[in-house]
Protein backbone atom coordinates (compact mmCIF):
# COMPACT_ATOMS: atom_id res chain seq x y z
CA MET A 1 108.07 83.56 93.07
CA ILE A 2 105.73 82.42 90.29
CA THR A 3 102.92 80.14 91.49
CA PRO A 4 99.99 78.82 89.42
CA ALA A 5 97.83 81.63 90.82
CA THR A 6 100.29 84.42 90.02
CA GLY A 7 100.93 82.85 86.62
CA LEU A 8 97.21 82.97 85.89
CA VAL A 9 97.04 86.62 86.95
CA SER A 10 99.98 87.37 84.65
CA VAL A 11 98.56 85.68 81.54
CA ALA A 12 94.76 85.84 81.78
CA PRO A 13 94.38 89.61 81.11
CA SER A 14 96.39 89.31 77.91
CA LEU A 15 94.29 86.41 76.65
CA LEU A 16 91.04 88.28 77.34
CA LEU A 17 92.31 91.40 75.58
CA MET A 18 93.48 89.38 72.58
CA TRP A 19 89.99 87.89 72.43
CA PHE A 20 88.51 91.40 72.55
CA PHE A 21 90.54 92.81 69.66
CA HIS A 22 90.19 89.63 67.61
CA ALA A 23 86.40 89.79 68.00
CA ARG A 24 86.25 93.48 67.07
CA ASP A 25 87.59 92.65 63.61
CA ARG A 26 84.78 91.53 61.32
CA PHE A 27 87.31 89.89 59.02
CA ARG A 28 89.29 87.74 61.46
CA GLU A 29 93.05 87.42 61.19
CA PRO A 30 94.85 84.06 60.68
CA PRO A 31 95.55 82.52 64.12
CA GLY A 32 99.09 81.59 63.11
CA VAL A 33 99.99 85.18 62.25
CA VAL A 34 98.35 86.44 65.44
CA TRP A 35 100.24 84.05 67.72
CA LYS A 36 103.56 84.60 65.97
CA THR A 37 103.08 88.34 66.45
CA PHE A 38 102.37 87.72 70.13
CA LEU A 39 105.55 85.65 70.44
CA LEU A 40 107.64 88.29 68.68
CA GLY A 41 106.28 90.91 71.06
CA LEU A 42 107.29 88.68 73.97
CA LEU A 43 110.80 88.28 72.53
CA THR A 44 111.37 92.04 72.54
CA ILE A 45 111.69 92.00 76.33
CA PRO A 46 115.45 91.09 76.48
CA PRO A 47 116.69 93.87 74.15
CA VAL A 48 114.28 96.36 75.73
CA VAL A 49 115.58 95.56 79.22
CA VAL A 50 119.18 95.98 78.04
CA LEU A 51 118.54 99.31 76.31
CA GLU A 52 116.49 100.67 79.20
CA GLY A 53 119.32 99.75 81.55
CA ILE A 54 121.86 101.53 79.34
CA LEU A 55 119.73 104.68 79.12
CA THR A 56 119.06 104.70 82.85
CA ALA A 57 122.78 104.34 83.58
CA ALA A 58 123.52 107.16 81.14
CA ARG A 59 121.09 109.54 82.86
CA PRO A 60 122.89 112.83 83.61
CA ASP A 61 124.01 113.31 87.20
CA GLY A 62 122.42 116.00 89.31
CA THR A 63 118.97 115.79 87.74
CA THR A 64 115.97 116.68 89.87
CA GLY A 65 113.20 114.23 90.68
CA LEU A 66 111.02 115.83 88.01
CA GLU A 67 113.73 115.60 85.36
CA THR A 68 114.53 112.02 86.29
CA ALA A 69 110.88 110.98 86.09
CA LEU A 70 110.48 112.65 82.69
CA PHE A 71 113.65 110.99 81.37
CA ASP A 72 112.72 107.54 82.64
CA ALA A 73 109.06 107.73 81.61
CA PHE A 74 109.31 109.16 78.11
CA LEU A 75 112.76 108.08 76.93
CA ALA A 76 113.96 105.02 78.86
CA ALA A 77 110.52 103.37 79.00
CA ALA A 78 108.04 104.73 76.44
CA PHE A 79 110.39 105.45 73.54
CA VAL A 80 112.29 102.17 73.78
CA GLU A 81 109.29 99.91 74.34
CA GLU A 82 107.02 101.45 71.71
CA THR A 83 109.83 101.51 69.14
CA PHE A 84 110.37 97.77 69.52
CA LYS A 85 106.64 97.15 69.20
CA LEU A 86 106.68 99.15 65.97
CA LEU A 87 109.59 97.05 64.70
CA VAL A 88 107.59 93.88 65.33
CA LEU A 89 104.69 95.27 63.29
CA LEU A 90 106.85 96.40 60.39
CA LEU A 91 108.98 93.26 60.22
CA TYR A 92 106.27 90.60 60.42
CA PRO A 93 102.47 91.10 60.44
CA PHE A 94 102.44 94.12 58.14
CA ARG A 95 104.30 92.05 55.53
CA GLN A 96 101.71 89.28 55.55
CA PRO A 97 99.01 88.96 52.85
CA ALA A 98 96.39 88.94 55.62
CA PHE A 99 97.17 92.56 56.43
CA ASP A 100 94.99 94.72 54.19
CA GLU A 101 92.89 97.08 56.33
CA LEU A 102 92.93 99.49 59.25
CA MET A 103 91.48 97.11 61.81
CA ASP A 104 94.36 94.73 61.12
CA GLY A 105 96.71 97.42 62.35
CA MET A 106 94.82 97.70 65.64
CA VAL A 107 94.68 93.93 66.10
CA TYR A 108 98.34 93.26 65.41
CA GLY A 109 99.47 96.34 67.32
CA ALA A 110 97.54 95.22 70.38
CA VAL A 111 98.75 91.62 70.06
CA ALA A 112 102.42 92.63 69.78
CA SER A 113 102.01 94.86 72.82
CA LEU A 114 100.30 92.10 74.78
CA GLY A 115 103.16 89.74 74.02
CA PHE A 116 105.52 92.28 75.51
CA ALA A 117 103.21 93.07 78.44
CA THR A 118 102.66 89.40 79.32
CA LEU A 119 106.33 88.61 79.90
CA GLU A 120 106.88 91.98 81.56
CA ASN A 121 103.99 91.24 83.90
CA ILE A 122 105.42 87.81 84.75
CA LEU A 123 108.74 89.45 85.67
CA TYR A 124 107.01 92.03 87.87
CA VAL A 125 104.87 89.38 89.56
CA PHE A 126 107.96 87.23 90.17
CA GLU A 127 109.44 90.14 92.12
CA GLY A 128 106.36 91.74 93.68
CA GLY A 129 103.86 88.93 94.13
CA MET A 130 100.08 88.69 93.74
CA SER A 131 99.21 92.29 94.66
CA VAL A 132 101.49 93.61 91.92
CA GLY A 133 100.03 91.12 89.45
CA ILE A 134 96.44 92.14 90.17
CA THR A 135 97.26 95.86 89.93
CA ARG A 136 99.07 95.43 86.64
CA ALA A 137 96.36 93.12 85.29
CA LEU A 138 93.77 95.88 85.75
CA LEU A 139 95.93 98.83 84.64
CA SER A 140 99.27 98.21 82.95
CA VAL A 141 98.38 95.29 80.67
CA PRO A 142 95.24 96.97 79.24
CA ALA A 143 97.24 100.18 78.87
CA HIS A 144 99.90 98.40 76.80
CA ALA A 145 97.17 96.95 74.58
CA CYS A 146 95.71 100.43 74.13
CA TRP A 147 99.04 102.00 73.11
CA GLY A 148 99.76 99.13 70.74
CA ALA A 149 96.34 99.37 69.10
CA LEU A 150 96.83 103.08 68.39
CA LEU A 151 100.39 102.46 67.21
CA GLY A 152 99.12 99.83 64.80
CA TYR A 153 96.17 101.89 63.63
CA TYR A 154 98.13 104.98 62.63
CA THR A 155 100.92 102.92 61.11
CA ALA A 156 98.38 100.95 59.07
CA ARG A 157 96.59 104.13 58.01
CA GLY A 158 99.84 105.60 56.73
CA ARG A 159 100.74 102.46 54.84
CA ILE A 160 97.31 102.15 53.21
CA ALA A 161 97.37 105.84 52.26
CA GLY A 162 100.81 105.50 50.67
CA ARG A 163 102.57 107.48 53.43
CA PRO A 164 104.17 104.70 55.51
CA LEU A 165 106.80 106.86 57.22
CA ARG A 166 104.29 109.49 58.25
CA GLY A 167 101.92 106.84 59.55
CA ALA A 168 104.63 105.05 61.53
CA LEU A 169 105.82 108.30 63.10
CA SER A 170 102.26 109.33 63.96
CA GLY A 171 101.54 105.99 65.59
CA LEU A 172 104.83 105.97 67.45
CA SER A 173 104.28 109.53 68.68
CA ALA A 174 100.78 108.74 69.96
CA ALA A 175 101.97 105.58 71.74
CA ILE A 176 104.99 107.31 73.31
CA PHE A 177 102.88 110.27 74.42
CA LEU A 178 100.27 108.13 76.20
CA HIS A 179 102.84 105.69 77.57
CA GLY A 180 105.01 108.48 78.94
CA LEU A 181 102.05 110.29 80.50
CA TYR A 182 100.96 107.03 82.12
CA ASP A 183 104.40 106.21 83.56
CA PHE A 184 105.46 109.71 84.56
CA PRO A 185 103.22 110.18 87.65
CA ILE A 186 104.24 106.76 88.98
CA MET A 187 107.96 107.42 88.48
CA TYR A 188 107.66 110.92 89.89
CA LEU A 189 105.93 109.52 92.96
CA VAL A 190 108.83 107.09 93.50
CA TRP A 191 111.30 109.98 93.57
CA MET A 192 109.11 112.42 95.50
CA ASP A 193 107.31 110.13 97.92
CA GLU A 194 108.00 112.44 100.83
CA THR A 195 106.67 115.54 99.08
CA PRO A 196 103.23 116.68 100.28
CA GLY A 197 100.63 116.08 97.59
CA ALA A 198 102.87 113.80 95.51
CA ALA A 199 100.25 111.04 95.68
CA LEU A 200 97.87 113.32 93.78
CA SER A 201 99.82 112.42 90.65
CA ILE A 202 98.27 108.93 90.64
CA PRO A 203 94.87 110.12 89.34
CA VAL A 204 96.74 111.42 86.30
CA THR A 205 97.85 107.87 85.50
CA LEU A 206 94.28 106.61 85.83
CA ALA A 207 92.96 109.45 83.68
CA VAL A 208 95.51 108.70 80.95
CA ALA A 209 94.53 105.02 80.96
CA VAL A 210 90.83 105.85 80.63
CA ALA A 211 91.43 108.49 77.94
CA GLY A 212 93.53 106.06 75.93
CA TRP A 213 90.81 103.43 75.96
CA VAL A 214 88.14 105.96 75.02
CA TRP A 215 90.36 106.84 72.04
CA VAL A 216 90.78 103.17 71.09
CA LEU A 217 87.07 102.37 71.40
CA ARG A 218 86.08 105.33 69.25
CA VAL A 219 88.60 104.50 66.53
CA SER A 220 87.69 100.81 66.51
CA ARG A 221 84.00 101.70 66.35
CA ARG A 222 84.52 103.87 63.26
CA ILE A 223 86.58 101.16 61.57
CA ARG A 224 84.02 98.50 62.46
CA ARG A 225 81.28 100.61 60.90
CA ALA A 226 83.42 101.03 57.79
CA GLN A 227 83.78 97.25 57.63
CA MET A 228 80.02 96.81 57.88
CA GLU A 229 79.25 99.42 55.22
CA SER A 230 82.11 99.06 52.74
CA ARG A 231 82.48 95.28 52.35
CA PRO A 232 79.32 93.54 53.51
CA ALA A 233 79.62 90.69 51.02
CA GLY A 234 83.15 89.55 51.76
CA ARG A 235 86.75 90.52 52.13
CA SER A 236 88.08 92.20 49.01
CA GLY A 237 90.05 95.29 48.23
CA SER A 238 92.94 96.74 50.18
CA SER A 239 91.74 99.90 51.84
CA LEU A 240 89.00 101.05 54.11
CA GLY A 241 88.02 104.61 54.74
CA VAL A 242 86.76 105.83 58.10
CA PRO A 243 83.46 107.66 57.75
CA PRO A 244 83.09 110.94 59.62
CA GLY A 245 80.57 111.71 62.27
CA ARG A 246 79.29 109.99 65.40
CA THR A 247 77.83 106.52 65.18
CA GLY A 248 76.23 103.98 67.44
CA ARG A 249 74.19 104.43 70.60
CA PRO A 250 76.07 105.93 73.57
CA ALA A 251 73.96 104.19 76.21
CA SER A 252 74.49 100.78 74.59
CA ARG A 253 78.22 101.38 74.30
CA ALA A 254 78.45 102.35 77.96
CA GLY A 255 76.62 99.19 78.93
CA ALA A 256 78.90 97.10 76.73
CA VAL A 257 82.02 98.57 78.32
CA LEU A 258 80.59 97.93 81.78
CA MET A 259 79.88 94.32 80.85
CA LEU A 260 83.42 93.88 79.57
CA PHE A 261 84.94 95.27 82.77
CA ALA A 262 82.63 93.23 85.03
CA GLY A 263 83.37 90.13 82.97
CA VAL A 264 87.12 90.53 83.41
CA ILE A 265 86.78 90.98 87.18
CA LEU A 266 84.39 88.05 87.71
CA ALA A 267 86.24 85.67 85.40
CA SER A 268 89.60 86.48 86.99
CA LEU A 269 88.36 86.06 90.56
CA GLY A 270 86.46 82.89 89.70
CA ALA A 271 89.48 81.40 87.93
CA LEU A 272 91.70 82.13 90.93
CA ILE A 273 89.27 80.40 93.30
CA VAL A 274 88.90 77.37 91.02
CA LEU A 275 92.67 77.14 90.65
CA GLY A 276 93.12 77.37 94.41
CA ILE A 277 90.66 74.53 94.99
CA VAL A 278 92.28 72.34 92.34
CA ILE A 279 95.69 72.93 93.92
CA GLY A 280 94.21 72.17 97.34
CA PHE A 281 92.95 68.77 96.23
CA ALA A 282 96.13 68.02 94.29
CA THR A 283 98.38 68.75 97.26
CA GLY A 284 96.15 67.13 99.87
CA SER A 285 95.49 70.42 101.65
CA VAL A 286 91.74 69.77 101.78
CA ALA A 287 90.94 67.99 105.03
CA HIS A 288 89.49 64.48 104.84
CA GLY A 289 85.71 64.64 104.83
CA ASN A 290 85.55 68.26 103.70
CA GLY A 291 85.76 67.43 100.01
CA PRO A 292 82.03 67.67 99.19
CA SER A 293 81.56 70.98 100.99
CA VAL A 294 84.68 72.42 99.36
CA LEU A 295 83.42 71.33 95.94
CA VAL A 296 80.02 72.92 96.51
CA GLY A 297 81.60 76.10 97.82
CA GLY A 298 84.04 76.13 94.93
CA PHE A 299 81.21 75.80 92.44
CA VAL A 300 79.31 78.71 93.97
CA THR A 301 82.27 81.02 94.56
CA GLY A 302 84.52 79.94 91.71
CA VAL A 303 82.90 78.12 88.80
CA LEU A 304 79.76 80.26 88.65
CA PRO A 305 81.64 83.62 88.73
CA LEU A 306 84.06 82.27 86.11
CA LEU A 307 81.25 81.23 83.77
CA ILE A 308 79.25 84.41 84.37
CA GLY A 309 82.38 86.50 83.80
CA ILE A 310 83.13 84.79 80.48
CA LEU A 311 79.49 85.19 79.43
CA LEU A 312 79.50 88.89 80.37
CA PHE A 313 82.75 89.48 78.50
CA HIS A 314 81.46 87.69 75.40
CA SER A 315 78.14 89.54 75.59
CA GLY A 316 79.95 92.84 76.03
CA ILE A 317 81.94 92.26 72.84
CA ARG A 318 78.80 91.29 70.92
CA ARG A 319 76.93 94.32 72.23
CA LEU A 320 79.82 96.63 71.40
CA ASN A 321 79.98 95.23 67.88
CA HIS A 322 76.20 95.53 67.51
CA THR A 323 76.21 99.27 68.26
CA VAL A 324 77.86 100.00 64.91
CA SER A 325 75.31 98.05 62.89
CA GLY A 326 72.14 99.48 64.33
């Protein structure tokens, strides 16, 4: 069942991640194109569900747990979902005049993926409840954004370099590879839950998620530096190179990432508490005479963490952007 709290858990991570990618781009994308891309990503859910169901039903009989997990993770899930995200990119944002650089590929790729992930998360929360929503908010939704950003980056790089097919295939391969590696341990665990040591596959999923985001942050940092160095006076031209070599300050980047993560946690928890208090007053659940104490407690445990979380997230983005200009 979807409640206001579970709905918030389903949507808030996507909004924060859209904010992150939007802010990483020095030359911001038109809001209308961004939101239409998000909506198109959301609308891919019905055909994806149908195709995944067909592939799952067509799975050969007699397959082992390992073979089943590989089939479901890489073909039924990763291949189908990432292919539809690529179609969204090719059919809409990449045809817009606003698309003219590598960072645009990352932004639109992440946004299309977040559209998909938002509705998918709502469906999972509807079935599994708050615990599923929180788990997916911290892992699956950011992972989808990561795969989409890489998909968009390589596709954009190929298009700008005059090799669109090669770029699209490179981006699709990278997204499918990471997506499949992320899903495989979870699906294998479902089939082999009684096998000793099967739970050890879960760290693989976490490692893949972290590795993917390290990849995304490094690529976005190089592109951001190229934006700062190549077109400081304004947006002109159609291509940006990515300079070689390491840039930025590792300690500052680590601090920025920590601020982003802490901001997401604090803002999410604070928002849930504030929402719970609002619902309590709206439904009359707050006992008569307890209103002032509930408001004070809500301010301390809800409003303050929410504001601090938003401030940390915003500061983390600014600090991350600053590391490429120093």
